[in-house]
Amino acid sequence: MRTLRWTVVVVATILAGAPATAQRYDPHYPVCLQKWGQTGAIAIDCSYTSLEQCRATASGLSATCYANPYRPQADQASPGRVPRRQGVY
């Protein structure tokens, strides 16, 4: 039982010391770049104003560009009430 307790303490200590980074999605920019590092780490950078600008940065890297999922869409139609048809059928 004592070995199990020490194992849990050691594992918790190691995991608490591991660096953690938050991914940021800036809603002011419409395009994000997702880049993979050599260790398998993923970095997301949402600071691009166009897909072409992002693709130029991603060229030659292990990266991809995509639309920012947290950018508000201006042309989305709001779900409203459907008007009832008047008249005789």
N, C-alpha and C. Protein backbone atom coordinates (compact mmCIF):
# COMPACT_ATOMS: atom_id res chain seq x y z
N MET A 1 0.82 -1.19 0.00
CA MET A 1 0.00 0.00 0.00
C MET A 1 0.87 1.26 0.00
N ARG A 2 1.97 1.17 0.74
CA ARG A 2 2.87 2.31 0.83
C ARG A 2 3.52 2.60 -0.53
N THR A 3 3.84 1.55 -1.29
CA THR A 3 4.44 1.70 -2.61
C THR A 3 3.47 2.37 -3.56
N LEU A 4 2.23 1.99 -3.50
CA LEU A 4 1.21 2.60 -4.36
C LEU A 4 1.05 4.09 -4.06
N ARG A 5 1.06 4.42 -2.78
CA ARG A 5 0.94 5.83 -2.37
C ARG A 5 2.11 6.65 -2.91
N TRP A 6 3.33 6.13 -2.79
CA TRP A 6 4.50 6.86 -3.28
C TRP A 6 4.49 6.95 -4.81
N THR A 7 4.01 5.93 -5.47
CA THR A 7 3.92 5.96 -6.92
C THR A 7 2.96 7.06 -7.37
N VAL A 8 1.84 7.18 -6.70
CA VAL A 8 0.87 8.22 -7.04
C VAL A 8 1.45 9.61 -6.79
N VAL A 9 2.17 9.78 -5.69
CA VAL A 9 2.79 11.07 -5.37
C VAL A 9 3.84 11.43 -6.42
N VAL A 10 4.66 10.48 -6.81
CA VAL A 10 5.71 10.75 -7.80
C VAL A 10 5.10 11.10 -9.16
N VAL A 11 4.11 10.34 -9.59
CA VAL A 11 3.47 10.62 -10.88
C VAL A 11 2.79 11.98 -10.86
N ALA A 12 2.11 12.31 -9.79
CA ALA A 12 1.45 13.62 -9.68
C ALA A 12 2.46 14.76 -9.72
N THR A 13 3.60 14.56 -9.07
CA THR A 13 4.65 15.59 -9.07
C THR A 13 5.22 15.79 -10.46
N ILE A 14 5.45 14.72 -11.17
CA ILE A 14 5.99 14.82 -12.53
C ILE A 14 4.99 15.52 -13.45
N LEU A 15 3.74 15.14 -13.37
CA LEU A 15 2.73 15.76 -14.23
C LEU A 15 2.50 17.23 -13.89
N ALA A 16 2.61 17.58 -12.63
CA ALA A 16 2.43 18.99 -12.24
C ALA A 16 3.58 19.85 -12.74
N GLY A 17 4.76 19.26 -12.88
CA GLY A 17 5.92 20.02 -13.34
C GLY A 17 6.01 20.14 -14.85
N ALA A 18 5.19 19.40 -15.59
CA ALA A 18 5.23 19.46 -17.06
C ALA A 18 4.65 20.79 -17.53
N PRO A 19 5.27 21.40 -18.52
CA PRO A 19 4.76 22.68 -19.01
C PRO A 19 3.41 22.50 -19.72
N ALA A 20 2.52 23.42 -19.46
CA ALA A 20 1.21 23.40 -20.11
C ALA A 20 1.01 24.75 -20.78
N THR A 21 0.63 24.71 -22.03
CA THR A 21 0.38 25.96 -22.76
C THR A 21 -1.05 25.96 -23.25
N ALA A 22 -1.67 27.10 -23.16
CA ALA A 22 -3.04 27.25 -23.64
C ALA A 22 -3.02 27.68 -25.10
N GLN A 23 -3.92 27.13 -25.88
CA GLN A 23 -4.04 27.54 -27.27
C GLN A 23 -4.91 28.79 -27.32
N ARG A 24 -4.51 29.73 -28.11
CA ARG A 24 -5.26 30.99 -28.18
C ARG A 24 -5.89 31.15 -29.55
N TYR A 25 -7.15 31.46 -29.54
CA TYR A 25 -7.89 31.76 -30.77
C TYR A 25 -8.31 33.22 -30.68
N ASP A 26 -7.62 34.09 -31.41
CA ASP A 26 -7.96 35.51 -31.39
C ASP A 26 -9.14 35.74 -32.32
N PRO A 27 -10.29 36.21 -31.79
CA PRO A 27 -11.47 36.38 -32.63
C PRO A 27 -11.36 37.53 -33.64
N HIS A 28 -10.30 38.31 -33.56
CA HIS A 28 -10.13 39.43 -34.50
C HIS A 28 -9.51 39.01 -35.83
N TYR A 29 -8.98 37.80 -35.91
CA TYR A 29 -8.34 37.32 -37.13
C TYR A 29 -9.08 36.10 -37.67
N PRO A 30 -9.32 36.06 -38.98
CA PRO A 30 -10.15 34.99 -39.55
C PRO A 30 -9.42 33.68 -39.84
N VAL A 31 -8.09 33.65 -39.80
CA VAL A 31 -7.35 32.44 -40.20
C VAL A 31 -6.36 32.04 -39.11
N CYS A 32 -6.27 30.72 -38.89
CA CYS A 32 -5.34 30.17 -37.89
C CYS A 32 -4.33 29.26 -38.57
N LEU A 33 -3.15 29.18 -37.97
CA LEU A 33 -2.08 28.28 -38.41
C LEU A 33 -1.86 27.26 -37.30
N GLN A 34 -1.92 25.98 -37.65
CA GLN A 34 -1.63 24.92 -36.70
C GLN A 34 -0.33 24.27 -37.13
N LYS A 35 0.64 24.28 -36.21
CA LYS A 35 1.99 23.81 -36.53
C LYS A 35 2.37 22.68 -35.58
N TRP A 36 2.97 21.62 -36.14
CA TRP A 36 3.43 20.48 -35.35
C TRP A 36 4.93 20.57 -35.18
N GLY A 37 5.42 20.37 -33.97
CA GLY A 37 6.85 20.40 -33.69
C GLY A 37 7.45 19.01 -33.81
N GLN A 38 8.75 18.92 -33.67
CA GLN A 38 9.46 17.64 -33.79
C GLN A 38 9.10 16.69 -32.66
N THR A 39 8.73 17.23 -31.52
CA THR A 39 8.38 16.38 -30.38
C THR A 39 6.91 16.00 -30.37
N GLY A 40 6.16 16.46 -31.37
CA GLY A 40 4.73 16.17 -31.43
C GLY A 40 3.88 17.26 -30.82
N ALA A 41 4.51 18.30 -30.30
CA ALA A 41 3.77 19.40 -29.71
C ALA A 41 3.04 20.18 -30.81
N ILE A 42 1.88 20.68 -30.49
CA ILE A 42 1.07 21.43 -31.45
C ILE A 42 0.99 22.88 -30.99
N ALA A 43 1.21 23.81 -31.92
CA ALA A 43 1.08 25.23 -31.63
C ALA A 43 0.05 25.82 -32.58
N ILE A 44 -0.85 26.62 -32.05
CA ILE A 44 -1.88 27.26 -32.86
C ILE A 44 -1.70 28.76 -32.76
N ASP A 45 -1.65 29.42 -33.92
CA ASP A 45 -1.46 30.86 -33.99
C ASP A 45 -2.56 31.45 -34.87
N CYS A 46 -3.47 32.19 -34.28
CA CYS A 46 -4.57 32.82 -35.02
C CYS A 46 -4.28 34.32 -35.16
N SER A 47 -3.34 34.66 -36.01
CA SER A 47 -2.99 36.06 -36.21
C SER A 47 -2.82 36.39 -37.69
N TYR A 48 -3.59 35.71 -38.54
CA TYR A 48 -3.48 35.90 -39.98
C TYR A 48 -4.75 36.52 -40.54
N THR A 49 -4.58 37.46 -41.45
CA THR A 49 -5.74 38.16 -42.02
C THR A 49 -6.27 37.50 -43.28
N SER A 50 -5.48 36.60 -43.88
CA SER A 50 -5.96 35.92 -45.08
C SER A 50 -5.38 34.52 -45.14
N LEU A 51 -6.03 33.68 -45.91
CA LEU A 51 -5.56 32.31 -46.09
C LEU A 51 -4.22 32.30 -46.83
N GLU A 52 -4.06 33.21 -47.78
CA GLU A 52 -2.81 33.29 -48.55
C GLU A 52 -1.63 33.66 -47.64
N GLN A 53 -1.87 34.60 -46.72
CA GLN A 53 -0.81 35.01 -45.79
C GLN A 53 -0.41 33.83 -44.90
N CYS A 54 -1.38 33.08 -44.43
CA CYS A 54 -1.10 31.92 -43.60
C CYS A 54 -0.35 30.84 -44.39
N ARG A 55 -0.79 30.58 -45.61
CA ARG A 55 -0.14 29.56 -46.44
C ARG A 55 1.32 29.92 -46.75
N ALA A 56 1.59 31.21 -46.91
CA ALA A 56 2.97 31.63 -47.16
C ALA A 56 3.84 31.33 -45.94
N THR A 57 3.29 31.52 -44.75
CA THR A 57 4.04 31.21 -43.54
C THR A 57 4.20 29.70 -43.35
N ALA A 58 3.17 28.94 -43.70
CA ALA A 58 3.19 27.48 -43.51
C ALA A 58 4.04 26.76 -44.55
N SER A 59 4.41 27.44 -45.61
CA SER A 59 5.17 26.81 -46.68
C SER A 59 6.49 26.23 -46.15
N GLY A 60 6.69 24.93 -46.37
CA GLY A 60 7.90 24.28 -45.93
C GLY A 60 7.87 23.78 -44.50
N LEU A 61 6.81 24.07 -43.78
CA LEU A 61 6.68 23.61 -42.40
C LEU A 61 5.66 22.48 -42.31
N SER A 62 5.68 21.79 -41.21
CA SER A 62 4.65 20.81 -40.93
C SER A 62 3.48 21.56 -40.29
N ALA A 63 2.67 22.19 -41.14
CA ALA A 63 1.62 23.08 -40.64
C ALA A 63 0.44 23.09 -41.60
N THR A 64 -0.69 23.56 -41.10
CA THR A 64 -1.88 23.71 -41.92
C THR A 64 -2.61 24.99 -41.52
N CYS A 65 -3.38 25.53 -42.44
CA CYS A 65 -4.16 26.74 -42.19
C CYS A 65 -5.64 26.39 -42.23
N TYR A 66 -6.42 27.06 -41.40
CA TYR A 66 -7.86 26.83 -41.37
C TYR A 66 -8.58 28.07 -40.85
N ALA A 67 -9.88 28.12 -41.08
CA ALA A 67 -10.69 29.25 -40.62
C ALA A 67 -10.78 29.23 -39.10
N ASN A 68 -10.67 30.39 -38.50
CA ASN A 68 -10.75 30.53 -37.05
C ASN A 68 -12.14 30.13 -36.58
N PRO A 69 -12.26 29.07 -35.78
CA PRO A 69 -13.58 28.62 -35.35
C PRO A 69 -14.26 29.56 -34.36
N TYR A 70 -13.54 30.51 -33.79
CA TYR A 70 -14.11 31.41 -32.80
C TYR A 70 -14.35 32.81 -33.33
N ARG A 71 -14.16 33.00 -34.61
CA ARG A 71 -14.42 34.32 -35.20
C ARG A 71 -15.92 34.45 -35.45
N PRO A 72 -16.52 35.54 -35.00
CA PRO A 72 -17.96 35.71 -35.23
C PRO A 72 -18.25 35.88 -36.72
N GLN A 73 -19.28 35.23 -37.18
CA GLN A 73 -19.68 35.31 -38.58
C GLN A 73 -20.70 36.43 -38.74
N ALA A 74 -20.41 37.37 -39.64
CA ALA A 74 -21.28 38.53 -39.81
C ALA A 74 -22.53 38.22 -40.62
N ASP A 75 -22.43 37.27 -41.56
CA ASP A 75 -23.54 37.03 -42.48
C ASP A 75 -24.41 35.83 -42.11
N GLN A 76 -24.38 35.43 -40.87
CA GLN A 76 -25.21 34.30 -40.47
C GLN A 76 -26.64 34.78 -40.26
N ALA A 77 -27.56 34.07 -40.88
CA ALA A 77 -28.96 34.41 -40.71
C ALA A 77 -29.44 33.89 -39.36
N SER A 78 -30.12 34.74 -38.63
CA SER A 78 -30.62 34.30 -37.34
C SER A 78 -31.88 33.48 -37.54
N PRO A 79 -32.01 32.42 -36.77
CA PRO A 79 -33.20 31.59 -36.92
C PRO A 79 -34.42 32.34 -36.37
N GLY A 80 -35.25 32.77 -37.23
CA GLY A 80 -36.43 33.52 -36.82
C GLY A 80 -37.69 32.71 -37.04
N ARG A 81 -38.78 33.36 -36.83
CA ARG A 81 -40.06 32.70 -37.04
C ARG A 81 -40.39 32.68 -38.52
N VAL A 82 -40.95 31.61 -38.97
CA VAL A 82 -41.39 31.50 -40.35
C VAL A 82 -42.79 32.08 -40.42
N PRO A 83 -43.00 33.06 -41.33
CA PRO A 83 -44.33 33.67 -41.37
C PRO A 83 -45.39 32.66 -41.85
N ARG A 84 -46.53 32.77 -41.26
CA ARG A 84 -47.64 31.89 -41.59
C ARG A 84 -48.30 32.36 -42.87
N ARG A 85 -48.62 31.44 -43.74
CA ARG A 85 -49.27 31.81 -45.01
C ARG A 85 -50.74 32.16 -44.72
N GLN A 86 -51.18 33.21 -45.31
CA GLN A 86 -52.57 33.65 -45.17
C GLN A 86 -53.37 33.24 -46.40
N GLY A 87 -54.59 32.95 -46.19
CA GLY A 87 -55.44 32.65 -47.35
C GLY A 87 -56.08 31.28 -47.26
N VAL A 88 -56.82 30.95 -48.30
CA VAL A 88 -57.54 29.68 -48.36
C VAL A 88 -56.69 28.70 -49.16
N TYR A 89 -56.68 27.47 -48.71
CA TYR A 89 -55.89 26.46 -49.41
C TYR A 89 -56.77 25.52 -50.14
